[in-house]
Amino acid sequence: MKLRRKPDDTPTPAASTAALQHERTMTLINNLSEAIMSTDEHGHITVYNAAMLNLLDTNTAIENQPIDTVLPVSDTTGSRISLIKLMQKLTASIMRDDLILDISGEPIRLEMTLSPIRRSYDGSSADSEGYIVIARDITTSKSLEEERDEFISVVSHELRTPITIAEATISNVQLMMDRGTFSGDHLKTAVDTAHDQVMFLARMVNDLSTLSRAERGIADEAEEISVAELARSMATEYKPQAEGKGLKFTLNLGSKRGTVLASRLYLQELLQNFITNAIKYTKEGSVIFSVQETDDSIQFTVKDSGIGISKADQKRIFERFYRAEDYRTRETSGTGLGLYVTAKLAKKLGTTIEIESRLNHGSSFSIKLPRHSKES
């Protein structure tokens, strides 16, 4: 049996207009990328959009639920925050970016804007008809911000020592020259010390510049690179440096000749770090730069007969400013940024660094890239 609407059930023009406006408003809200909800004056959810469900990682309806149940947030100290109590004290909109919400066992950082819905605008909280909540997941941006602040702090600390040594050494030279008490040996020692510290600073600035370019995506453009040409070019550049230390430098190229599709700058700087580290930490013996090719990939490896790296240090060498406690490592003038930057470049190239090493038995660093094509 069909139900017939009674004559007095016919929607009035005003009701139809209100329904249409409500539908348009809900369509607008659901198409916003920001997670939005509103509550009544008691903190029970009345309206929410799809972005809010995405933020909460749920498909379950949350209408009429208390906001503190749906959004059980804490501050950065771990103290629980009651949103309804916070909102009931509002006389104006506020924004907080120190809130943490646990989603499926994973904490996320939230930025939330809380606003009262007023009957009037005399500033009285008693006039509130409810509240509007806008939430954003700022986990990634906050993590990057905190990492940047920490990095700046550590860089400042690391720069302070060489600057202080160089400044003090040059000041002593100036003082000795003013008094006429310096000797040639003293002057040479002081100048050498200052020069070493300036070179340390130059290397650190170069590492920081490389890191900055990689983080900003400068030189991200991939190009087809001849593996043989790149390997021979790098061998020509670094073989004299190795031989200057009495080391044998060997380039091993397979019979195949292929190419890779990658950022030339990133690949060159990564391999450069492998080679210069091998030379730096090898007092006698050899450095071998090899390229092994298969039908699918090309592997670049730099192997040395140097001091090696302990198992414990291998777990940490890609951390920024980490330097092994081995006194032989401490004798060198590394910045502690080289392998950290190299790991970043490897990630940009879509690969990972493989390491094999034993104390006093040398080290081997490798990366593997997809083979792009064969050369004729």
Protein backbone atom coordinates (compact mmCIF):
# COMPACT_ATOMS: atom_id res chain seq x y z
CA MET A 1 0.00 0.00 0.00
CA LYS A 2 1.38 3.38 -0.94
CA LEU A 3 1.53 6.02 1.70
CA ARG A 4 0.02 9.31 0.69
CA ARG A 5 1.25 12.56 2.14
CA LYS A 6 -1.44 14.49 3.84
CA PRO A 7 -2.11 17.92 2.46
CA ASP A 8 -0.69 19.54 5.57
CA ASP A 9 2.55 17.51 5.20
CA THR A 10 3.53 19.33 2.02
CA PRO A 11 6.87 21.13 2.58
CA THR A 12 6.55 24.85 2.71
CA PRO A 13 8.73 26.98 0.42
CA ALA A 14 10.71 28.10 3.48
CA ALA A 15 11.34 24.47 4.53
CA SER A 16 12.40 23.51 1.01
CA THR A 17 14.80 26.44 0.87
CA ALA A 18 16.26 25.53 4.26
CA ALA A 19 16.73 21.90 3.19
CA LEU A 20 18.44 23.01 -0.02
CA GLN A 21 20.75 25.35 1.87
CA HIS A 22 21.58 22.59 4.36
CA GLU A 23 22.40 20.20 1.51
CA ARG A 24 24.62 22.79 -0.16
CA THR A 25 26.40 23.54 3.12
CA MET A 26 27.07 19.83 3.77
CA THR A 27 28.35 19.39 0.21
CA LEU A 28 30.72 22.31 0.71
CA ILE A 29 31.96 21.01 4.07
CA ASN A 30 32.53 17.50 2.71
CA ASN A 31 34.63 18.86 -0.13
CA LEU A 32 36.98 20.75 2.18
CA SER A 33 40.41 19.19 2.69
CA GLU A 34 40.51 20.36 6.32
CA ALA A 35 38.98 18.06 8.92
CA ILE A 36 35.97 19.88 10.36
CA MET A 37 33.32 19.09 12.94
CA SER A 38 30.82 20.99 15.03
CA THR A 39 29.37 20.14 18.43
CA ASP A 40 26.47 21.29 20.53
CA GLU A 41 27.02 23.27 23.72
CA HIS A 42 27.64 20.02 25.63
CA GLY A 43 30.38 18.83 23.29
CA HIS A 44 28.38 16.20 21.40
CA ILE A 45 29.21 16.02 17.70
CA THR A 46 26.48 17.28 15.40
CA VAL A 47 28.20 17.70 12.02
CA TYR A 48 31.49 16.40 10.56
CA ASN A 49 33.01 15.96 7.14
CA ALA A 50 34.76 13.16 5.29
CA ALA A 51 38.19 14.65 5.99
CA MET A 52 37.54 14.27 9.74
CA LEU A 53 36.83 10.55 9.28
CA ASN A 54 40.04 10.26 7.20
CA LEU A 55 42.00 11.95 9.97
CA LEU A 56 40.52 9.57 12.55
CA ASP A 57 41.14 6.62 10.21
CA THR A 58 37.59 5.32 10.60
CA ASN A 59 34.43 4.75 8.60
CA THR A 60 32.25 4.65 11.71
CA ALA A 61 29.69 7.40 12.20
CA ILE A 62 30.63 9.72 15.07
CA GLU A 63 27.48 11.81 15.25
CA ASN A 64 26.14 12.43 18.80
CA GLN A 65 29.34 11.09 20.38
CA PRO A 66 31.21 13.25 22.95
CA ILE A 67 34.15 15.02 21.34
CA ASP A 68 36.49 13.91 24.13
CA THR A 69 35.68 10.29 23.25
CA VAL A 70 36.29 10.79 19.54
CA LEU A 71 39.34 13.06 19.99
CA PRO A 72 41.14 11.92 23.17
CA VAL A 73 44.07 14.32 22.83
CA SER A 74 47.06 15.02 25.07
CA ASP A 75 49.62 17.81 25.08
CA THR A 76 53.33 17.30 24.39
CA THR A 77 53.98 16.55 28.08
CA GLY A 78 51.52 13.65 27.96
CA SER A 79 48.82 15.39 30.00
CA ARG A 80 45.27 14.64 28.85
CA ILE A 81 43.34 17.63 27.45
CA SER A 82 39.55 17.79 27.65
CA LEU A 83 38.42 19.63 24.53
CA ILE A 84 34.92 20.26 25.84
CA LYS A 85 36.25 21.88 29.02
CA LEU A 86 38.66 23.91 26.91
CA MET A 87 35.91 25.04 24.55
CA GLN A 88 33.46 25.93 27.31
CA LYS A 89 35.97 28.51 28.55
CA LEU A 90 36.32 30.16 25.14
CA THR A 91 35.39 33.77 24.57
CA ALA A 92 37.08 33.80 21.14
CA SER A 93 38.69 31.42 18.67
CA ILE A 94 41.99 29.82 19.68
CA MET A 95 44.55 27.70 17.85
CA ARG A 96 46.78 25.05 19.44
CA ASP A 97 49.53 23.08 17.72
CA ASP A 98 50.75 21.10 20.73
CA LEU A 99 48.11 18.37 20.71
CA ILE A 100 48.79 14.68 20.19
CA LEU A 101 46.23 12.07 19.14
CA ASP A 102 46.80 8.32 19.07
CA ILE A 103 45.55 6.81 15.81
CA SER A 104 45.76 3.02 15.56
CA GLY A 105 48.67 2.97 18.00
CA GLU A 106 50.58 5.74 16.22
CA PRO A 107 50.74 9.24 17.74
CA ILE A 108 50.12 12.15 15.37
CA ARG A 109 50.60 15.87 16.01
CA LEU A 110 47.50 18.00 15.55
CA GLU A 111 46.91 21.68 14.96
CA MET A 112 43.39 22.52 16.10
CA THR A 113 41.35 25.69 15.81
CA LEU A 114 38.46 25.87 18.29
CA SER A 115 35.71 28.44 17.86
CA PRO A 116 32.44 29.08 19.72
CA ILE A 117 29.16 29.45 17.80
CA ARG A 118 27.38 32.49 19.27
CA ARG A 119 23.78 33.63 19.56
CA SER A 120 25.20 37.09 20.15
CA TYR A 121 28.61 38.68 20.18
CA ASP A 122 28.87 40.17 23.64
CA GLY A 123 31.71 37.80 24.53
CA SER A 124 29.71 35.77 27.04
CA SER A 125 30.46 32.02 27.03
CA ALA A 126 26.88 31.42 28.16
CA ASP A 127 25.68 32.51 24.72
CA SER A 128 27.41 29.60 22.97
CA GLU A 129 25.19 27.36 20.87
CA GLY A 130 28.04 24.98 20.20
CA TYR A 131 31.54 24.85 18.85
CA ILE A 132 33.44 24.40 15.58
CA VAL A 133 36.63 22.35 15.47
CA ILE A 134 39.13 22.43 12.59
CA ALA A 135 41.98 19.90 12.78
CA ARG A 136 45.13 19.37 10.71
CA ASP A 137 47.73 16.61 10.88
CA ILE A 138 51.05 18.45 11.27
CA THR A 139 53.16 15.43 12.24
CA THR A 140 55.47 15.69 9.25
CA SER A 141 55.94 19.46 9.37
CA LYS A 142 56.56 19.43 13.13
CA SER A 143 59.05 16.59 12.78
CA LEU A 144 60.92 18.49 10.07
CA GLU A 145 60.84 21.69 12.13
CA GLU A 146 62.25 19.95 15.21
CA GLU A 147 64.86 18.15 13.11
CA ARG A 148 65.90 21.45 11.53
CA ASP A 149 66.20 23.20 14.90
CA GLU A 150 68.26 20.34 16.31
CA PHE A 151 70.45 20.29 13.23
CA ILE A 152 71.14 24.02 13.44
CA SER A 153 72.01 23.66 17.12
CA VAL A 154 74.44 20.80 16.44
CA VAL A 155 76.04 22.57 13.46
CA SER A 156 76.58 25.68 15.57
CA HIS A 157 78.26 23.57 18.23
CA GLU A 158 80.45 21.74 15.72
CA LEU A 159 81.54 25.00 14.05
CA ARG A 160 82.45 26.65 17.33
CA THR A 161 85.54 24.51 18.03
CA PRO A 162 87.46 25.00 14.75
CA ILE A 163 86.57 28.68 14.67
CA THR A 164 87.83 29.14 18.23
CA ILE A 165 91.08 27.27 17.51
CA ALA A 166 91.76 29.20 14.29
CA GLU A 167 90.96 32.55 15.93
CA ALA A 168 93.13 31.81 18.99
CA THR A 169 96.04 30.60 16.85
CA ILE A 170 95.99 33.67 14.62
CA SER A 171 95.69 35.95 17.66
CA ASN A 172 98.78 34.31 19.21
CA VAL A 173 100.71 34.84 15.98
CA GLN A 174 99.70 38.51 15.95
CA LEU A 175 100.77 38.88 19.59
CA MET A 176 104.15 37.22 18.97
CA MET A 177 104.74 39.41 15.91
CA ASP A 178 103.90 42.56 17.91
CA ARG A 179 106.36 41.55 20.61
CA GLY A 180 108.98 40.28 18.18
CA THR A 181 109.20 36.98 20.07
CA PHE A 182 108.19 34.54 17.34
CA SER A 183 110.48 32.13 15.53
CA GLY A 184 110.12 30.60 12.12
CA ASP A 185 109.18 27.20 13.59
CA HIS A 186 106.56 28.70 15.89
CA LEU A 187 105.08 30.71 13.06
CA LYS A 188 104.91 27.69 10.73
CA THR A 189 103.24 25.54 13.40
CA ALA A 190 100.67 28.22 14.16
CA VAL A 191 99.86 28.89 10.50
CA ASP A 192 99.56 25.14 9.81
CA THR A 193 97.15 24.76 12.73
CA ALA A 194 95.01 27.67 11.56
CA HIS A 195 95.07 26.36 7.99
CA ASP A 196 93.93 22.89 9.11
CA GLN A 197 90.97 24.38 10.96
CA VAL A 198 90.00 26.57 8.00
CA MET A 199 90.12 23.52 5.71
CA PHE A 200 87.93 21.63 8.19
CA LEU A 201 85.42 24.46 8.03
CA ALA A 202 85.58 24.44 4.22
CA ARG A 203 84.81 20.71 4.13
CA MET A 204 81.91 21.15 6.52
CA VAL A 205 80.49 24.01 4.45
CA ASN A 206 80.79 21.81 1.34
CA ASP A 207 78.97 18.94 3.08
CA LEU A 208 76.25 21.29 4.29
CA SER A 209 75.90 22.76 0.80
CA THR A 210 75.53 19.29 -0.70
CA LEU A 211 72.94 18.37 1.93
CA SER A 212 71.03 21.59 1.31
CA ARG A 213 70.90 20.98 -2.44
CA ALA A 214 69.64 17.44 -1.91
CA GLU A 215 66.99 18.51 0.62
CA ARG A 216 65.71 21.23 -1.73
CA GLY A 217 65.71 18.93 -4.74
CA ILE A 218 68.27 20.95 -6.69
CA ALA A 219 69.88 18.81 -9.43
CA ASP A 220 67.16 16.17 -9.07
CA GLU A 221 66.89 15.90 -12.85
CA ALA A 222 67.88 12.44 -14.05
CA GLU A 223 70.06 11.99 -17.10
CA GLU A 224 71.48 9.00 -18.91
CA ILE A 225 75.01 8.42 -17.59
CA SER A 226 77.63 6.21 -19.20
CA VAL A 227 78.93 4.01 -16.39
CA ALA A 228 82.33 3.45 -17.97
CA GLU A 229 82.83 7.15 -18.70
CA LEU A 230 81.87 8.16 -15.14
CA ALA A 231 84.09 5.51 -13.54
CA ARG A 232 87.13 6.40 -15.64
CA SER A 233 86.63 10.11 -14.92
CA MET A 234 86.54 9.53 -11.17
CA ALA A 235 89.52 7.19 -11.28
CA THR A 236 91.54 9.81 -13.15
CA GLU A 237 90.64 12.42 -10.54
CA TYR A 238 91.39 10.40 -7.40
CA LYS A 239 94.17 8.02 -8.45
CA PRO A 240 96.89 10.70 -7.95
CA GLN A 241 95.54 11.42 -4.45
CA ALA A 242 95.76 7.74 -3.52
CA GLU A 243 99.20 7.29 -5.03
CA GLY A 244 100.34 10.39 -3.15
CA LYS A 245 99.74 8.41 0.06
CA GLY A 246 101.57 5.40 -1.34
CA LEU A 247 98.34 3.49 -2.05
CA LYS A 248 97.57 1.41 -5.11
CA PHE A 249 94.40 2.61 -6.85
CA THR A 250 92.67 0.13 -9.14
CA LEU A 251 89.68 0.58 -11.43
CA ASN A 252 87.83 -2.62 -12.30
CA LEU A 253 85.34 -2.33 -15.17
CA GLY A 254 83.43 -5.33 -16.42
CA SER A 255 83.21 -6.21 -20.08
CA LYS A 256 79.64 -4.90 -20.32
CA ARG A 257 79.02 -1.27 -21.02
CA GLY A 258 75.73 0.17 -19.81
CA THR A 259 74.12 3.34 -18.58
CA VAL A 260 72.07 4.41 -15.57
CA LEU A 261 69.35 7.04 -15.39
CA ALA A 262 70.14 9.25 -12.38
CA SER A 263 71.19 12.69 -11.17
CA ARG A 264 74.80 13.02 -12.25
CA LEU A 265 75.62 15.41 -9.38
CA TYR A 266 74.15 13.13 -6.70
CA LEU A 267 75.84 10.01 -8.07
CA GLN A 268 79.22 11.72 -8.46
CA GLU A 269 79.17 13.19 -4.96
CA LEU A 270 78.12 9.88 -3.45
CA LEU A 271 80.91 7.93 -5.16
CA GLN A 272 83.35 10.74 -4.39
CA ASN A 273 82.59 10.32 -0.70
CA PHE A 274 83.17 6.56 -0.90
CA ILE A 275 86.54 7.06 -2.62
CA THR A 276 87.85 9.92 -0.47
CA ASN A 277 86.89 8.05 2.72
CA ALA A 278 88.67 4.94 1.46
CA ILE A 279 91.83 6.97 0.81
CA LYS A 280 91.55 8.84 4.11
CA TYR A 281 91.22 5.75 6.30
CA THR A 282 93.79 3.57 4.51
CA LYS A 283 97.42 4.02 5.55
CA GLU A 284 98.85 1.29 3.34
CA GLY A 285 97.59 -1.14 0.78
CA SER A 286 94.98 -0.43 -1.87
CA VAL A 287 91.72 1.19 -2.91
CA ILE A 288 89.64 -0.64 -5.54
CA PHE A 289 86.82 1.06 -7.43
CA SER A 290 84.76 -1.51 -9.31
CA VAL A 291 81.63 -1.58 -11.44
CA GLN A 292 79.71 -4.85 -11.79
CA GLU A 293 76.89 -5.10 -14.31
CA THR A 294 74.05 -7.55 -14.80
CA ASP A 295 71.14 -7.47 -17.23
CA ASP A 296 69.02 -5.61 -14.66
CA SER A 297 71.37 -3.56 -12.47
CA ILE A 298 74.74 -1.91 -12.09
CA GLN A 299 76.62 -2.02 -8.79
CA PHE A 300 79.28 0.52 -7.80
CA THR A 301 81.69 -0.64 -5.08
CA VAL A 302 84.65 1.00 -3.37
CA LYS A 303 86.80 -1.41 -1.35
CA ASP A 304 89.85 -0.54 0.73
CA SER A 305 92.41 -2.27 2.95
CA GLY A 306 92.12 0.37 5.66
CA ILE A 307 91.35 0.41 9.38
CA GLY A 308 87.85 -1.03 9.03
CA ILE A 309 84.73 -0.30 11.06
CA SER A 310 83.50 -2.16 14.12
CA LYS A 311 80.07 -3.82 14.16
CA ALA A 312 78.87 -1.33 16.77
CA ASP A 313 79.99 1.67 14.72
CA GLN A 314 78.47 0.27 11.51
CA LYS A 315 75.03 0.77 13.04
CA ARG A 316 75.67 4.49 13.56
CA ILE A 317 78.05 5.75 10.88
CA PHE A 318 75.22 7.23 8.81
CA GLU A 319 74.06 9.43 11.71
CA ARG A 320 74.92 13.11 11.39
CA PHE A 321 78.10 14.22 13.17
CA TYR A 322 78.78 10.68 14.36
CA ARG A 323 82.44 9.75 14.50
CA ALA A 324 83.74 6.38 15.67
CA GLU A 325 85.60 6.26 18.97
CA ASP A 326 88.52 4.44 17.30
CA TYR A 327 91.55 6.69 17.88
CA ARG A 328 92.67 6.09 14.30
CA THR A 329 89.43 7.63 13.07
CA ARG A 330 89.80 10.53 15.48
CA GLU A 331 93.25 11.24 14.01
CA THR A 332 91.64 12.23 10.72
CA SER A 333 89.91 15.55 10.11
CA GLY A 334 86.48 14.30 9.07
CA THR A 335 83.44 16.48 9.72
CA GLY A 336 81.11 13.66 10.73
CA LEU A 337 78.73 14.71 7.96
CA GLY A 338 80.10 12.83 4.97
CA LEU A 339 78.30 9.50 5.34
CA TYR A 340 75.15 11.22 6.61
CA VAL A 341 75.06 13.27 3.40
CA THR A 342 75.89 10.16 1.36
CA ALA A 343 72.93 8.28 2.86
CA LYS A 344 70.67 11.21 1.93
CA LEU A 345 71.99 11.15 -1.65
CA ALA A 346 71.46 7.39 -1.87
CA LYS A 347 67.85 7.87 -0.82
CA LYS A 348 67.45 10.55 -3.50
CA LEU A 349 68.80 8.08 -6.05
CA GLY A 350 66.32 5.44 -4.90
CA THR A 351 68.93 3.06 -3.50
CA THR A 352 70.56 2.06 -0.22
CA ILE A 353 74.17 1.76 0.84
CA GLU A 354 75.54 -1.72 1.54
CA ILE A 355 78.56 -1.98 3.82
CA GLU A 356 80.94 -4.83 4.62
CA SER A 357 83.74 -4.19 7.07
CA ARG A 358 85.94 -5.70 9.78
CA LEU A 359 88.34 -3.92 12.06
CA ASN A 360 91.85 -3.96 10.54
CA HIS A 361 90.57 -5.72 7.42
CA GLY A 362 89.25 -2.81 5.40
CA SER A 363 85.79 -1.75 4.27
CA SER A 364 83.56 -2.06 1.23
CA PHE A 365 80.77 0.41 0.35
CA SER A 366 78.32 -0.36 -2.46
CA ILE A 367 75.21 0.95 -4.15
CA LYS A 368 73.12 -0.65 -6.86
CA LEU A 369 71.13 1.20 -9.53
CA PRO A 370 68.78 -0.12 -12.22
CA ARG A 371 70.44 -0.64 -15.56
CA HIS A 372 69.01 1.80 -18.10
CA SER A 373 70.38 0.48 -21.39
CA LYS A 374 73.33 -1.13 -23.05
CA GLU A 375 75.91 0.86 -24.93
CA SER A 376 76.80 -0.25 -28.41
